[in-house]
């Protein structure tokens, strides 16, 4: 009987220690999985926070190139002709500007339409092409 009592006491002690440890772990887990931020719904005080101003007017060719086109045309990725390499641009330029603009807008081979700049207008794409060609003569 004494052995059974000692066994039960040891089990109870072990159980209480593990419960304390589990409680500490639960707090750690809750801290790790808590949301990274808060959502703000219209009508709440936080919804009145200032919103970044959206640029008005068309972007320049240099702006479009430096934020979108440079990814491929700066490195030659996926076979893109590199900006500044007249030898790579000469055969494309020989096809005419209308063809060059159409390929930039509609895509060709490895280049997707508008180089994936879906918020670029056709005129902004043309300005980027002009910018690339001016630096590739």
Protein backbone atom coordinates (compact mmCIF):
# COMPACT_ATOMS: atom_id res chain seq x y z
CA UNK A 1 0.00 0.00 0.00
CA UNK A 2 2.88 2.31 0.83
CA UNK A 3 4.37 1.68 -2.64
CA UNK A 4 1.08 2.53 -4.33
CA UNK A 5 0.80 5.73 -2.31
CA UNK A 6 4.38 6.75 -3.21
CA UNK A 7 3.71 5.97 -6.86
CA UNK A 8 0.56 8.09 -6.85
CA UNK A 9 2.40 10.92 -5.07
CA UNK A 10 5.23 10.81 -7.62
CA UNK A 11 2.73 10.79 -10.50
CA UNK A 12 0.89 13.75 -8.99
CA UNK A 13 4.13 15.67 -8.52
CA UNK A 14 5.15 14.95 -12.11
CA UNK A 15 1.74 16.00 -13.36
CA UNK A 16 1.84 19.29 -11.47
CA UNK A 17 5.35 20.09 -12.74
CA UNK A 18 4.32 19.35 -16.31
CA UNK A 19 1.21 21.55 -15.93
CA UNK A 20 3.37 24.50 -14.81
CA UNK A 21 5.73 23.90 -17.73
CA UNK A 22 2.79 23.59 -20.12
CA UNK A 23 1.35 26.89 -18.88
CA UNK A 24 4.68 28.63 -19.56
CA UNK A 25 4.87 27.04 -23.02
CA UNK A 26 1.30 28.09 -23.79
CA UNK A 27 2.23 31.72 -23.19
CA UNK A 28 5.31 31.36 -25.42
CA UNK A 29 3.24 29.75 -28.17
CA UNK A 30 0.55 32.43 -27.92
CA UNK A 31 3.23 35.11 -28.22
CA UNK A 32 4.73 33.46 -31.33
CA UNK A 33 1.43 33.04 -33.18
CA UNK A 34 -0.21 36.36 -32.36
CA UNK A 35 -1.15 38.50 -35.40
CA UNK A 36 1.65 40.60 -36.86
CA UNK A 37 -0.53 43.65 -37.23
CA UNK A 38 -4.00 45.02 -36.80
CA UNK A 39 -6.70 45.45 -39.39
CA UNK A 40 -8.50 48.72 -39.67
CA UNK A 41 -12.06 48.97 -40.93
CA UNK A 42 -13.76 52.01 -42.38
CA UNK A 43 -15.34 54.08 -39.65
CA UNK A 44 -12.73 53.19 -37.03
CA UNK A 45 -10.36 55.85 -35.72
CA UNK A 46 -7.36 54.20 -37.33
CA UNK A 47 -9.02 54.49 -40.78
CA UNK A 48 -8.40 58.23 -40.68
CA UNK A 49 -4.64 57.63 -40.89
CA UNK A 50 -2.99 59.44 -43.79
CA UNK A 51 -2.65 57.48 -47.01
CA UNK A 52 0.46 57.78 -49.17
CA UNK A 53 -0.09 60.15 -52.04
CA UNK A 54 -0.39 58.54 -55.43
CA UNK A 55 1.82 60.05 -58.08
CA UNK A 56 -0.18 62.03 -60.56
CA UNK A 57 0.56 62.12 -64.24
CA UNK A 58 2.51 59.70 -66.38
CA UNK A 59 5.89 58.38 -65.29
CA UNK A 60 8.95 59.18 -67.33
CA UNK A 61 10.75 56.54 -69.34
CA UNK A 62 13.59 56.64 -66.84
CA UNK A 63 11.19 56.08 -63.92
CA UNK A 64 9.54 53.11 -65.63
CA UNK A 65 12.90 51.64 -66.63
CA UNK A 66 14.45 52.01 -63.19
CA UNK A 67 11.47 50.49 -61.37
CA UNK A 68 10.31 47.81 -63.82
CA UNK A 69 12.49 47.19 -66.89
CA UNK A 70 15.88 47.17 -65.16
CA UNK A 71 15.16 43.77 -63.65
CA UNK A 72 15.75 42.05 -67.00
CA UNK A 73 17.23 44.72 -69.27
CA UNK A 74 19.86 45.68 -66.70
CA UNK A 75 21.20 42.13 -66.44
CA UNK A 76 20.19 40.41 -69.67
CA UNK A 77 17.97 37.96 -67.79
CA UNK A 78 15.93 35.58 -69.97
CA UNK A 79 17.78 36.79 -73.07
CA UNK A 80 16.66 40.41 -72.70
CA UNK A 81 18.85 42.88 -74.60
CA UNK A 82 20.85 44.86 -72.04
CA UNK A 83 20.50 48.59 -71.82
CA UNK A 84 23.58 50.26 -73.23
CA UNK A 85 24.49 47.38 -75.58
CA UNK A 86 24.08 48.88 -79.06
CA UNK A 87 24.90 45.55 -80.71
CA UNK A 88 21.94 43.83 -79.08
CA UNK A 89 19.53 46.66 -79.87
CA UNK A 90 20.57 47.33 -83.50
CA UNK A 91 18.68 44.36 -85.07
CA UNK A 92 15.59 45.18 -83.05
CA UNK A 93 15.77 48.83 -84.02
CA UNK A 94 16.16 47.83 -87.69
CA UNK A 95 12.62 46.37 -87.52
CA UNK A 96 11.28 49.87 -86.86
CA UNK A 97 10.01 51.76 -83.85
CA UNK A 98 6.40 50.64 -84.33
CA UNK A 99 7.51 47.00 -84.13
CA UNK A 100 9.66 47.72 -81.08
CA UNK A 101 6.80 49.49 -79.30
CA UNK A 102 4.34 46.71 -80.19
CA UNK A 103 6.71 44.03 -78.87
CA UNK A 104 7.23 45.95 -75.63
CA UNK A 105 3.49 46.45 -75.14
CA UNK A 106 2.27 43.00 -76.26
CA UNK A 107 5.29 40.91 -75.26
CA UNK A 108 7.58 38.76 -77.36
CA UNK A 109 9.35 35.46 -76.67
CA UNK A 110 10.46 35.57 -73.01
CA UNK A 111 9.17 39.09 -72.39
CA UNK A 112 5.61 39.21 -71.07
CA UNK A 113 3.24 41.98 -72.11
CA UNK A 114 4.45 45.33 -70.79
CA UNK A 115 7.22 43.48 -68.96
CA UNK A 116 4.55 42.72 -66.32
CA UNK A 117 4.11 46.44 -65.59
CA UNK A 118 0.34 46.18 -65.64
CA UNK A 119 -0.10 49.65 -64.17
CA UNK A 120 1.96 51.21 -66.99
CA UNK A 121 0.16 52.93 -69.83
CA UNK A 122 1.19 52.26 -73.43
CA UNK A 123 2.75 55.73 -73.55
CA UNK A 124 4.82 54.99 -70.43
CA UNK A 125 6.07 51.76 -72.03
CA UNK A 126 6.97 53.68 -75.19
CA UNK A 127 8.82 56.26 -73.07
CA UNK A 128 10.77 53.45 -71.38
CA UNK A 129 11.70 52.01 -74.80
CA UNK A 130 12.85 55.47 -75.91
CA UNK A 131 14.92 55.80 -72.72
CA UNK A 132 16.58 52.40 -73.26
CA UNK A 133 17.34 53.17 -76.91
CA UNK A 134 18.77 56.61 -76.10
CA UNK A 135 21.25 54.93 -73.74
CA UNK A 136 22.00 52.11 -76.18
CA UNK A 137 23.31 53.98 -79.21
